PDB file of N, CA and C in Angstrom:
ATOM      1  N   MET A   1      20.693  49.849 -77.915  1.00  0.00           N
ATOM      2  CA  MET A   1      20.882  50.120 -76.504  1.00  0.00           C
ATOM      3  C   MET A   1      21.664  48.976 -75.876  1.00  0.00           C
ATOM      4  N   GLU A   2      22.732  49.328 -75.190  1.00  0.00           N
ATOM      5  CA  GLU A   2      23.554  48.301 -74.568  1.00  0.00           C
ATOM      6  C   GLU A   2      23.010  47.938 -73.199  1.00  0.00           C
ATOM      7  N   VAL A   3      23.239  46.706 -72.852  1.00  0.00           N
ATOM      8  CA  VAL A   3      22.818  46.222 -71.540  1.00  0.00           C
ATOM      9  C   VAL A   3      23.916  46.564 -70.530  1.00  0.00           C
ATOM     10  N   ILE A   4      23.497  47.058 -69.376  1.00  0.00           N
ATOM     11  CA  ILE A   4      24.472  47.418 -68.335  1.00  0.00           C
ATOM     12  C   ILE A   4      24.996  46.138 -67.693  1.00  0.00           C
ATOM     13  N   ASN A   5      26.275  46.109 -67.467  1.00  0.00           N
ATOM     14  CA  ASN A   5      26.925  44.954 -66.865  1.00  0.00           C
ATOM     15  C   ASN A   5      26.381  44.711 -65.451  1.00  0.00           C
ATOM     16  N   HIS A   6      26.195  43.443 -65.070  1.00  0.00           N
ATOM     17  CA  HIS A   6      25.678  43.108 -63.746  1.00  0.00           C
ATOM     18  C   HIS A   6      26.641  43.550 -62.634  1.00  0.00           C
ATOM     19  N   THR A   7      27.916  43.550 -62.927  1.00  0.00           N
ATOM     20  CA  THR A   7      28.891  43.989 -61.933  1.00  0.00           C
ATOM     21  C   THR A   7      28.693  45.458 -61.594  1.00  0.00           C
ATOM     22  N   VAL A   8      28.392  46.271 -62.587  1.00  0.00           N
ATOM     23  CA  VAL A   8      28.168  47.701 -62.355  1.00  0.00           C
ATOM     24  C   VAL A   8      26.908  47.898 -61.505  1.00  0.00           C
ATOM     25  N   ILE A   9      25.867  47.150 -61.801  1.00  0.00           N
ATOM     26  CA  ILE A   9      24.629  47.248 -61.015  1.00  0.00           C
ATOM     27  C   ILE A   9      24.886  46.833 -59.566  1.00  0.00           C
ATOM     28  N   ASN A  10      25.611  45.725 -59.375  1.00  0.00           N
ATOM     29  CA  ASN A  10      25.920  45.271 -58.015  1.00  0.00           C
ATOM     30  C   ASN A  10      26.782  46.280 -57.272  1.00  0.00           C
ATOM     31  N   LEU A  11      27.705  46.914 -57.966  1.00  0.00           N
ATOM     32  CA  LEU A  11      28.551  47.927 -57.339  1.00  0.00           C
ATOM     33  C   LEU A  11      27.726  49.146 -56.926  1.00  0.00           C
ATOM     34  N   ILE A  12      26.792  49.554 -57.756  1.00  0.00           N
ATOM     35  CA  ILE A  12      25.925  50.689 -57.418  1.00  0.00           C
ATOM     36  C   ILE A  12      25.084  50.363 -56.187  1.00  0.00           C
ATOM     37  N   ILE A  13      24.518  49.159 -56.134  1.00  0.00           N
ATOM     38  CA  ILE A  13      23.719  48.748 -54.974  1.00  0.00           C
ATOM     39  C   ILE A  13      24.578  48.722 -53.726  1.00  0.00           C
ATOM     40  N   PHE A  14      25.806  48.224 -53.847  1.00  0.00           N
ATOM     41  CA  PHE A  14      26.716  48.159 -52.703  1.00  0.00           C
ATOM     42  C   PHE A  14      27.038  49.553 -52.171  1.00  0.00           C
ATOM     43  N   VAL A  15      27.344  50.478 -53.053  1.00  0.00           N
ATOM     44  CA  VAL A  15      27.669  51.847 -52.637  1.00  0.00           C
ATOM     45  C   VAL A  15      26.457  52.516 -51.996  1.00  0.00           C
ATOM     46  N   LEU A  16      25.277  52.327 -52.566  1.00  0.00           N
ATOM     47  CA  LEU A  16      24.062  52.896 -51.972  1.00  0.00           C
ATOM     48  C   LEU A  16      23.774  52.290 -50.600  1.00  0.00           C
ATOM     49  N   ALA A  17      24.012  50.999 -50.452  1.00  0.00           N
ATOM     50  CA  ALA A  17      23.796  50.348 -49.156  1.00  0.00           C
ATOM     51  C   ALA A  17      24.749  50.908 -48.098  1.00  0.00           C
ATOM     52  N   ILE A  18      25.982  51.154 -48.486  1.00  0.00           N
ATOM     53  CA  ILE A  18      26.945  51.755 -47.551  1.00  0.00           C
ATOM     54  C   ILE A  18      26.486  53.156 -47.155  1.00  0.00           C
ATOM     55  N   TYR A  19      26.064  53.941 -48.119  1.00  0.00           N
ATOM     56  CA  TYR A  19      25.621  55.314 -47.858  1.00  0.00           C
ATOM     57  C   TYR A  19      24.400  55.342 -46.932  1.00  0.00           C
ATOM     58  N   VAL A  20      23.399  54.552 -47.258  1.00  0.00           N
ATOM     59  CA  VAL A  20      22.180  54.524 -46.442  1.00  0.00           C
ATOM     60  C   VAL A  20      22.480  53.964 -45.057  1.00  0.00           C
ATOM     61  N   GLY A  21      23.262  52.884 -44.987  1.00  0.00           N
ATOM     62  CA  GLY A  21      23.606  52.291 -43.694  1.00  0.00           C
ATOM     63  C   GLY A  21      24.360  53.252 -42.796  1.00  0.00           C
ATOM     64  N   TYR A  22      25.282  53.997 -43.371  1.00  0.00           N
ATOM     65  CA  TYR A  22      26.041  54.976 -42.597  1.00  0.00           C
ATOM     66  C   TYR A  22      25.107  56.023 -42.001  1.00  0.00           C
ATOM     67  N   HIS A  23      24.214  56.562 -42.795  1.00  0.00           N
ATOM     68  CA  HIS A  23      23.326  57.608 -42.306  1.00  0.00           C
ATOM     69  C   HIS A  23      22.292  57.075 -41.311  1.00  0.00           C
ATOM     70  N   VAL A  24      21.856  55.856 -41.491  1.00  0.00           N
ATOM     71  CA  VAL A  24      20.901  55.272 -40.544  1.00  0.00           C
ATOM     72  C   VAL A  24      21.564  55.061 -39.191  1.00  0.00           C
ATOM     73  N   VAL A  25      22.753  54.496 -39.184  1.00  0.00           N
ATOM     74  CA  VAL A  25      23.436  54.206 -37.914  1.00  0.00           C
ATOM     75  C   VAL A  25      23.921  55.489 -37.253  1.00  0.00           C
ATOM     76  N   TRP A  26      24.404  56.445 -38.025  1.00  0.00           N
ATOM     77  CA  TRP A  26      24.956  57.678 -37.456  1.00  0.00           C
ATOM     78  C   TRP A  26      23.882  58.498 -36.743  1.00  0.00           C
ATOM     79  N   ASN A  27      22.642  58.457 -37.221  1.00  0.00           N
ATOM     80  CA  ASN A  27      21.581  59.285 -36.662  1.00  0.00           C
ATOM     81  C   ASN A  27      20.758  58.581 -35.583  1.00  0.00           C
ATOM     82  N   VAL A  28      21.196  57.434 -35.120  1.00  0.00           N
ATOM     83  CA  VAL A  28      20.470  56.711 -34.073  1.00  0.00           C
ATOM     84  C   VAL A  28      20.789  57.340 -32.724  1.00  0.00           C
ATOM     85  N   THR A  29      19.753  57.543 -31.911  1.00  0.00           N
ATOM     86  CA  THR A  29      19.976  58.077 -30.564  1.00  0.00           C
ATOM     87  C   THR A  29      20.630  57.011 -29.688  1.00  0.00           C
ATOM     88  N   PRO A  30      21.384  57.410 -28.673  1.00  0.00           N
ATOM     89  CA  PRO A  30      22.064  56.420 -27.828  1.00  0.00           C
ATOM     90  C   PRO A  30      21.120  55.414 -27.154  1.00  0.00           C
ATOM     91  N   ALA A  31      19.879  55.788 -26.910  1.00  0.00           N
ATOM     92  CA  ALA A  31      18.943  54.860 -26.267  1.00  0.00           C
ATOM     93  C   ALA A  31      18.591  53.682 -27.167  1.00  0.00           C
ATOM     94  N   LEU A  32      18.778  53.840 -28.458  1.00  0.00           N
ATOM     95  CA  LEU A  32      18.409  52.778 -29.392  1.00  0.00           C
ATOM     96  C   LEU A  32      19.592  51.934 -29.857  1.00  0.00           C
ATOM     97  N   HIS A  33      20.763  52.132 -29.276  1.00  0.00           N
ATOM     98  CA  HIS A  33      21.927  51.375 -29.727  1.00  0.00           C
ATOM     99  C   HIS A  33      21.793  49.884 -29.437  1.00  0.00           C
ATOM    100  N   THR A  34      21.219  49.516 -28.293  1.00  0.00           N
ATOM    101  CA  THR A  34      21.082  48.096 -27.956  1.00  0.00           C
ATOM    102  C   THR A  34      20.141  47.387 -28.928  1.00  0.00           C
ATOM    103  N   PRO A  35      18.945  47.914 -29.213  1.00  0.00           N
ATOM    104  CA  PRO A  35      18.113  47.233 -30.223  1.00  0.00           C
ATOM    105  C   PRO A  35      18.770  47.208 -31.602  1.00  0.00           C
ATOM    106  N   LEU A  36      19.517  48.244 -31.936  1.00  0.00           N
ATOM    107  CA  LEU A  36      20.201  48.268 -33.221  1.00  0.00           C
ATOM    108  C   LEU A  36      21.245  47.157 -33.293  1.00  0.00           C
ATOM    109  N   MET A  37      21.957  46.934 -32.193  1.00  0.00           N
ATOM    110  CA  MET A  37      22.939  45.844 -32.151  1.00  0.00           C
ATOM    111  C   MET A  37      22.256  44.493 -32.317  1.00  0.00           C
ATOM    112  N   ALA A  38      21.092  44.321 -31.697  1.00  0.00           N
ATOM    113  CA  ALA A  38      20.379  43.049 -31.813  1.00  0.00           C
ATOM    114  C   ALA A  38      19.944  42.809 -33.257  1.00  0.00           C
ATOM    115  N   VAL A  39      19.481  43.843 -33.934  1.00  0.00           N
ATOM    116  CA  VAL A  39      19.079  43.695 -35.335  1.00  0.00           C
ATOM    117  C   VAL A  39      20.296  43.411 -36.202  1.00  0.00           C
ATOM    118  N   THR A  40      21.411  44.051 -35.904  1.00  0.00           N
ATOM    119  CA  THR A  40      22.640  43.807 -36.652  1.00  0.00           C
ATOM    120  C   THR A  40      23.075  42.361 -36.501  1.00  0.00           C
ATOM    121  N   ASN A  41      22.925  41.809 -35.294  1.00  0.00           N
ATOM    122  CA  ASN A  41      23.268  40.406 -35.091  1.00  0.00           C
ATOM    123  C   ASN A  41      22.358  39.497 -35.909  1.00  0.00           C
ATOM    124  N   ALA A  42      21.098  39.832 -35.996  1.00  0.00           N
ATOM    125  CA  ALA A  42      20.174  39.024 -36.795  1.00  0.00           C
ATOM    126  C   ALA A  42      20.542  39.087 -38.273  1.00  0.00           C
ATOM    127  N   ILE A  43      20.921  40.254 -38.754  1.00  0.00           N
ATOM    128  CA  ILE A  43      21.333  40.384 -40.153  1.00  0.00           C
ATOM    129  C   ILE A  43      22.599  39.575 -40.410  1.00  0.00           C
ATOM    130  N   SER A  44      23.529  39.595 -39.459  1.00  0.00           N
ATOM    131  CA  SER A  44      24.751  38.808 -39.614  1.00  0.00           C
ATOM    132  C   SER A  44      24.444  37.317 -39.626  1.00  0.00           C
ATOM    133  N   ALA A  45      23.434  36.907 -38.883  1.00  0.00           N
ATOM    134  CA  ALA A  45      23.041  35.502 -38.910  1.00  0.00           C
ATOM    135  C   ALA A  45      22.496  35.122 -40.284  1.00  0.00           C
ATOM    136  N   ILE A  46      21.787  36.040 -40.926  1.00  0.00           N
ATOM    137  CA  ILE A  46      21.303  35.793 -42.286  1.00  0.00           C
ATOM    138  C   ILE A  46      22.488  35.704 -43.251  1.00  0.00           C
ATOM    139  N   VAL A  47      23.518  36.502 -42.997  1.00  0.00           N
ATOM    140  CA  VAL A  47      24.723  36.449 -43.826  1.00  0.00           C
ATOM    141  C   VAL A  47      25.383  35.079 -43.697  1.00  0.00           C
ATOM    142  N   ILE A  48      25.360  34.505 -42.500  1.00  0.00           N
ATOM    143  CA  ILE A  48      25.928  33.168 -42.305  1.00  0.00           C
ATOM    144  C   ILE A  48      25.191  32.153 -43.171  1.00  0.00           C
ATOM    145  N   VAL A  49      23.869  32.227 -43.179  1.00  0.00           N
ATOM    146  CA  VAL A  49      23.083  31.289 -43.997  1.00  0.00           C
ATOM    147  C   VAL A  49      23.423  31.468 -45.482  1.00  0.00           C
ATOM    148  N   GLY A  50      23.501  32.715 -45.936  1.00  0.00           N
ATOM    149  CA  GLY A  50      23.855  32.965 -47.330  1.00  0.00           C
ATOM    150  C   GLY A  50      25.258  32.472 -47.666  1.00  0.00           C
ATOM    151  N   ALA A  51      26.194  32.656 -46.751  1.00  0.00           N
ATOM    152  CA  ALA A  51      27.569  32.194 -46.989  1.00  0.00           C
ATOM    153  C   ALA A  51      27.630  30.671 -47.021  1.00  0.00           C
ATOM    154  N   MET A  52      26.832  30.015 -46.188  1.00  0.00           N
ATOM    155  CA  MET A  52      26.799  28.548 -46.220  1.00  0.00           C
ATOM    156  C   MET A  52      26.214  28.059 -47.539  1.00  0.00           C
ATOM    157  N   LEU A  53      25.183  28.743 -48.022  1.00  0.00           N
ATOM    158  CA  LEU A  53      24.630  28.374 -49.328  1.00  0.00           C
ATOM    159  C   LEU A  53      25.657  28.604 -50.439  1.00  0.00           C
ATOM    160  N   ALA A  54      26.359  29.732 -50.369  1.00  0.00           N
ATOM    161  CA  ALA A  54      27.371  30.026 -51.390  1.00  0.00           C
ATOM    162  C   ALA A  54      28.493  29.002 -51.358  1.00  0.00           C
ATOM    163  N   ALA A  55      28.897  28.604 -50.163  1.00  0.00           N
ATOM    164  CA  ALA A  55      29.985  27.623 -50.049  1.00  0.00           C
ATOM    165  C   ALA A  55      29.521  26.244 -50.507  1.00  0.00           C
ATOM    166  N   GLY A  56      28.267  25.913 -50.216  1.00  0.00           N
ATOM    167  CA  GLY A  56      27.785  24.580 -50.554  1.00  0.00           C
ATOM    168  C   GLY A  56      27.392  24.413 -52.011  1.00  0.00           C
ATOM    169  N   LEU A  57      26.954  25.474 -52.658  1.00  0.00           N
ATOM    170  CA  LEU A  57      26.451  25.358 -54.020  1.00  0.00           C
ATOM    171  C   LEU A  57      27.505  25.632 -55.089  1.00  0.00           C
ATOM    172  N   THR A  58      28.695  26.078 -54.706  1.00  0.00           N
ATOM    173  CA  THR A  58      29.726  26.356 -55.708  1.00  0.00           C
ATOM    174  C   THR A  58      30.415  25.071 -56.116  1.00  0.00           C
ATOM    175  N   VAL A  59      30.969  25.094 -57.322  1.00  0.00           N
ATOM    176  CA  VAL A  59      31.628  23.905 -57.856  1.00  0.00           C
ATOM    177  C   VAL A  59      33.130  23.962 -57.595  1.00  0.00           C
ATOM    178  N   GLY A  60      33.718  25.126 -57.755  1.00  0.00           N
ATOM    179  CA  GLY A  60      35.162  25.262 -57.622  1.00  0.00           C
ATOM    180  C   GLY A  60      35.618  25.344 -56.176  1.00  0.00           C
ATOM    181  N   SER A  61      36.891  25.045 -55.974  1.00  0.00           N
ATOM    182  CA  SER A  61      37.438  25.082 -54.613  1.00  0.00           C
ATOM    183  C   SER A  61      37.621  26.522 -54.121  1.00  0.00           C
ATOM    184  N   THR A  62      37.832  27.474 -55.031  1.00  0.00           N
ATOM    185  CA  THR A  62      37.987  28.871 -54.631  1.00  0.00           C
ATOM    186  C   THR A  62      36.698  29.403 -54.011  1.00  0.00           C
ATOM    187  N   GLY A  63      35.570  29.097 -54.631  1.00  0.00           N
ATOM    188  CA  GLY A  63      34.275  29.522 -54.097  1.00  0.00           C
ATOM    189  C   GLY A  63      33.992  28.898 -52.744  1.00  0.00           C
ATOM    190  N   LYS A  64      34.349  27.618 -52.592  1.00  0.00           N
ATOM    191  CA  LYS A  64      34.144  26.952 -51.306  1.00  0.00           C
ATOM    192  C   LYS A  64      35.025  27.570 -50.220  1.00  0.00           C
ATOM    193  N   LEU A  65      36.255  27.925 -50.604  1.00  0.00           N
ATOM    194  CA  LEU A  65      37.169  28.546 -49.645  1.00  0.00           C
ATOM    195  C   LEU A  65      36.643  29.906 -49.199  1.00  0.00           C
ATOM    196  N   PHE A  66      36.225  30.743 -50.154  1.00  0.00           N
ATOM    197  CA  PHE A  66      35.701  32.062 -49.797  1.00  0.00           C
ATOM    198  C   PHE A  66      34.395  31.950 -49.010  1.00  0.00           C
ATOM    199  N   GLY A  67      33.560  30.971 -49.346  1.00  0.00           N
ATOM    200  CA  GLY A  67      32.327  30.751 -48.588  1.00  0.00           C
ATOM    201  C   GLY A  67      32.609  30.346 -47.155  1.00  0.00           C
ATOM    202  N   THR A  68      33.602  29.486 -46.968  1.00  0.00           N
ATOM    203  CA  THR A  68      33.983  29.058 -45.617  1.00  0.00           C
ATOM    204  C   THR A  68      34.553  30.221 -44.815  1.00  0.00           C
ATOM    205  N   VAL A  69      35.384  31.038 -45.453  1.00  0.00           N
ATOM    206  CA  VAL A  69      35.927  32.218 -44.771  1.00  0.00           C
ATOM    207  C   VAL A  69      34.799  33.188 -44.415  1.00  0.00           C
ATOM    208  N   ALA A  70      33.830  33.344 -45.317  1.00  0.00           N
ATOM    209  CA  ALA A  70      32.698  34.232 -45.039  1.00  0.00           C
ATOM    210  C   ALA A  70      31.875  33.717 -43.863  1.00  0.00           C
ATOM    211  N   VAL A  71      31.664  32.401 -43.772  1.00  0.00           N
ATOM    212  CA  VAL A  71      30.933  31.827 -42.638  1.00  0.00           C
ATOM    213  C   VAL A  71      31.692  32.090 -41.343  1.00  0.00           C
ATOM    214  N   ALA A  72      33.004  31.883 -41.362  1.00  0.00           N
ATOM    215  CA  ALA A  72      33.804  32.094 -40.147  1.00  0.00           C
ATOM    216  C   ALA A  72      33.773  33.556 -39.708  1.00  0.00           C
ATOM    217  N   LEU A  73      33.948  34.486 -40.640  1.00  0.00           N
ATOM    218  CA  LEU A  73      33.950  35.906 -40.278  1.00  0.00           C
ATOM    219  C   LEU A  73      32.579  36.369 -39.796  1.00  0.00           C
ATOM    220  N   ALA A  74      31.521  35.900 -40.432  1.00  0.00           N
ATOM    221  CA  ALA A  74      30.178  36.282 -39.990  1.00  0.00           C
ATOM    222  C   ALA A  74      29.871  35.691 -38.611  1.00  0.00           C
ATOM    223  N   ALA A  75      30.362  34.478 -38.336  1.00  0.00           N
ATOM    224  CA  ALA A  75      30.146  33.874 -37.021  1.00  0.00           C
ATOM    225  C   ALA A  75      30.859  34.668 -35.937  1.00  0.00           C
ATOM    226  N   VAL A  76      32.080  35.099 -36.211  1.00  0.00           N
ATOM    227  CA  VAL A  76      32.807  35.943 -35.255  1.00  0.00           C
ATOM    228  C   VAL A  76      32.036  37.239 -35.022  1.00  0.00           C
ATOM    229  N   ASN A  77      31.482  37.809 -36.080  1.00  0.00           N
ATOM    230  CA  ASN A  77      30.716  39.041 -35.963  1.00  0.00           C
ATOM    231  C   ASN A  77      29.464  38.838 -35.108  1.00  0.00           C
ATOM    232  N   VAL A  78      28.763  37.725 -35.314  1.00  0.00           N
ATOM    233  CA  VAL A  78      27.541  37.460 -34.542  1.00  0.00           C
ATOM    234  C   VAL A  78      27.869  37.261 -33.070  1.00  0.00           C
ATOM    235  N   PHE A  79      28.835  36.406 -32.769  1.00  0.00           N
ATOM    236  CA  PHE A  79      29.153  36.130 -31.366  1.00  0.00           C
ATOM    237  C   PHE A  79      29.713  37.360 -30.665  1.00  0.00           C
ATOM    238  N   GLY A  80      30.555  38.118 -31.352  1.00  0.00           N
ATOM    239  CA  GLY A  80      31.063  39.355 -30.767  1.00  0.00           C
ATOM    240  C   GLY A  80      29.949  40.367 -30.542  1.00  0.00           C
ATOM    241  N   GLY A  81      29.005  40.430 -31.470  1.00  0.00           N
ATOM    242  CA  GLY A  81      27.869  41.336 -31.308  1.00  0.00           C
ATOM    243  C   GLY A  81      27.001  40.978 -30.124  1.00  0.00           C
ATOM    244  N   PHE A  82      26.785  39.662 -29.913  1.00  0.00           N
ATOM    245  CA  PHE A  82      25.999  39.248 -28.755  1.00  0.00           C
ATOM    246  C   PHE A  82      26.722  39.561 -27.445  1.00  0.00           C
ATOM    247  N   LEU A  83      28.043  39.426 -27.435  1.00  0.00           N
ATOM    248  CA  LEU A  83      28.799  39.776 -26.229  1.00  0.00           C
ATOM    249  C   LEU A  83      28.695  41.270 -25.933  1.00  0.00           C
ATOM    250  N   VAL A  84      28.812  42.090 -26.966  1.00  0.00           N
ATOM    251  CA  VAL A  84      28.703  43.539 -26.781  1.00  0.00           C
ATOM    252  C   VAL A  84      27.293  43.913 -26.330  1.00  0.00           C
ATOM    253  N   THR A  85      26.273  43.291 -26.923  1.00  0.00           N
ATOM    254  CA  THR A  85      24.892  43.575 -26.535  1.00  0.00           C
ATOM    255  C   THR A  85      24.655  43.195 -25.082  1.00  0.00           C
ATOM    256  N   ARG A  86      25.197  42.047 -24.661  1.00  0.00           N
ATOM    257  CA  ARG A  86      25.033  41.627 -23.264  1.00  0.00           C
ATOM    258  C   ARG A  86      25.702  42.620 -22.313  1.00  0.00           C
ATOM    259  N   ARG A  87      26.874  43.095 -22.670  1.00  0.00           N
ATOM    260  CA  ARG A  87      27.544  44.090 -21.821  1.00  0.00           C
ATOM    261  C   ARG A  87      26.754  45.384 -21.751  1.00  0.00           C
ATOM    262  N   MET A  88      26.157  45.785 -22.875  1.00  0.00           N
ATOM    263  CA  MET A  88      25.370  47.013 -22.877  1.00  0.00           C
ATOM    264  C   MET A  88      24.127  46.853 -22.006  1.00  0.00           C
ATOM    265  N   LEU A  89      23.498  45.681 -22.067  1.00  0.00           N
ATOM    266  CA  LEU A  89      22.310  45.449 -21.245  1.00  0.00           C
ATOM    267  C   LEU A  89      22.650  45.382 -19.758  1.00  0.00           C
ATOM    268  N   GLU A  90      23.844  44.899 -19.422  1.00  0.00           N
ATOM    269  CA  GLU A  90      24.255  44.849 -18.016  1.00  0.00           C
ATOM    270  C   GLU A  90      24.421  46.244 -17.428  1.00  0.00           C
ATOM    271  N   MET A  91      24.697  47.229 -18.268  1.00  0.00           N
ATOM    272  CA  MET A  91      24.837  48.597 -17.765  1.00  0.00           C
ATOM    273  C   MET A  91      23.509  49.145 -17.264  1.00  0.00           C
ATOM    274  N   PHE A  92      22.390  48.615 -17.759  1.00  0.00           N
ATOM    275  CA  PHE A  92      21.080  49.113 -17.367  1.00  0.00           C
ATOM    276  C   PHE A  92      20.482  48.365 -16.188  1.00  0.00           C
ATOM    277  N   ARG A  93      21.134  47.314 -15.701  1.00  0.00           N
ATOM    278  CA  ARG A  93      20.617  46.554 -14.576  1.00  0.00           C
ATOM    279  C   ARG A  93      20.823  47.334 -13.278  1.00  0.00           C
ATOM    280  N   LYS A  94      19.882  47.142 -12.348  1.00  0.00           N
ATOM    281  CA  LYS A  94      20.031  47.784 -11.045  1.00  0.00           C
ATOM    282  C   LYS A  94      21.101  47.048 -10.264  1.00  0.00           C
ATOM    283  N   LYS A  95      21.922  47.819  -9.605  1.00  0.00           N
ATOM    284  CA  LYS A  95      22.982  47.232  -8.802  1.00  0.00           C
ATOM    285  C   LYS A  95      22.430  46.872  -7.428  1.00  0.00           C
ATOM    286  N   GLU A  96      22.837  45.716  -6.928  1.00  0.00           N
ATOM    287  CA  GLU A  96      22.400  45.303  -5.605  1.00  0.00           C
ATOM    288  C   GLU A  96      23.184  46.090  -4.554  1.00  0.00           C
ATOM    289  N   PRO A  97      22.528  46.370  -3.419  1.00  0.00           N
ATOM    290  CA  PRO A  97      23.254  47.107  -2.377  1.00  0.00           C
ATOM    291  C   PRO A  97      24.415  46.278  -1.832  1.00  0.00           C
ATOM    292  N   LYS A  98      25.451  47.001  -1.389  1.00  0.00           N
ATOM    293  CA  LYS A  98      26.628  46.325  -0.848  1.00  0.00           C
ATOM    294  C   LYS A  98      26.268  45.632   0.456  1.00  0.00           C
ATOM    295  N   LYS A  99      26.954  44.506   0.717  1.00  0.00           N
ATOM    296  CA  LYS A  99      26.690  43.744   1.935  1.00  0.00           C
ATOM    297  C   LYS A  99      27.802  44.013   2.940  1.00  0.00           C
ATOM    298  N   LYS A 100      27.412  44.148   4.214  1.00  0.00           N
ATOM    299  CA  LYS A 100      28.375  44.330   5.290  1.00  0.00           C
ATOM    300  C   LYS A 100      28.454  43.035   6.082  1.00  0.00           C
ATOM    301  N   ALA A 101      29.614  42.727   6.547  1.00  0.00           N
ATOM    302  CA  ALA A 101      29.777  41.530   7.376  1.00  0.00           C
ATOM    303  C   ALA A 101      29.634  41.925   8.839  1.00  0.00           C
ATOM    304  N   VAL A 102      28.647  41.333   9.504  1.00  0.00           N
ATOM    305  CA  VAL A 102      28.445  41.559  10.931  1.00  0.00           C
ATOM    306  C   VAL A 102      28.633  40.225  11.626  1.00  0.00           C
ATOM    307  N   HIS A 103      29.697  40.114  12.406  1.00  0.00           N
ATOM    308  CA  HIS A 103      30.024  38.886  13.125  1.00  0.00           C
ATOM    309  C   HIS A 103      30.098  37.699  12.169  1.00  0.00           C
ATOM    310  N   GLY A 104      30.687  37.894  11.009  1.00  0.00           N
ATOM    311  CA  GLY A 104      30.885  36.805  10.057  1.00  0.00           C
ATOM    312  C   GLY A 104      29.676  36.506   9.201  1.00  0.00           C
ATOM    313  N   ILE A 105      28.563  37.249   9.380  1.00  0.00           N
ATOM    314  CA  ILE A 105      27.345  37.024   8.591  1.00  0.00           C
ATOM    315  C   ILE A 105      27.172  38.208   7.658  1.00  0.00           C
ATOM    316  N   ALA A 106      26.902  37.910   6.378  1.00  0.00           N
ATOM    317  CA  ALA A 106      26.702  38.985   5.400  1.00  0.00           C
ATOM    318  C   ALA A 106      25.304  39.585   5.589  1.00  0.00           C
ATOM    319  N   VAL A 107      25.264  40.928   5.764  1.00  0.00           N
ATOM    320  CA  VAL A 107      24.015  41.618   5.971  1.00  0.00           C
ATOM    321  C   VAL A 107      23.934  42.744   4.939  1.00  0.00           C
ATOM    322  N   LYS A 108      22.751  42.958   4.374  1.00  0.00           N
ATOM    323  CA  LYS A 108      22.580  44.048   3.432  1.00  0.00           C
ATOM    324  C   LYS A 108      22.688  45.380   4.152  1.00  0.00           C
ATOM    325  N   GLU A 109      23.294  46.344   3.467  1.00  0.00           N
ATOM    326  CA  GLU A 109      23.442  47.669   4.048  1.00  0.00           C
ATOM    327  C   GLU A 109      22.087  48.351   4.142  1.00  0.00           C
ATOM    328  N   GLY A 110      21.852  49.067   5.187  1.00  0.00           N
ATOM    329  CA  GLY A 110      20.601  49.792   5.364  1.00  0.00           C
ATOM    330  C   GLY A 110      19.545  48.989   6.079  1.00  0.00           C
ATOM    331  N   VAL A 111      19.896  47.769   6.502  1.00  0.00           N
ATOM    332  CA  VAL A 111      18.906  46.928   7.225  1.00  0.00           C
ATOM    333  C   VAL A 111      19.171  47.016   8.699  1.00  0.00           C
TER     334      VAL A 111
END
């Protein structure tokens, strides 16, 4: 019996992760998009830690270069995700009533 190559196993796991991730995200109701974004940001933060470990523990310069690029791309993903999450949360905030100026003094409308 031959041993299956580790690359084939990793490729199978990668394809299954893409398939499951697609179906999980596609079937999320719109009310849950904000918590989903927050969890995605947390996962990306874990990716940053893994990329830093990969960059720091490799011996060759190619591994260090790819690890550094992975840290940079994951950091962009995390910060962009937090910006998008903040914008989504701002949509749910109550808007303050407009203020009218009466004799140079700002007064709330309806008062």
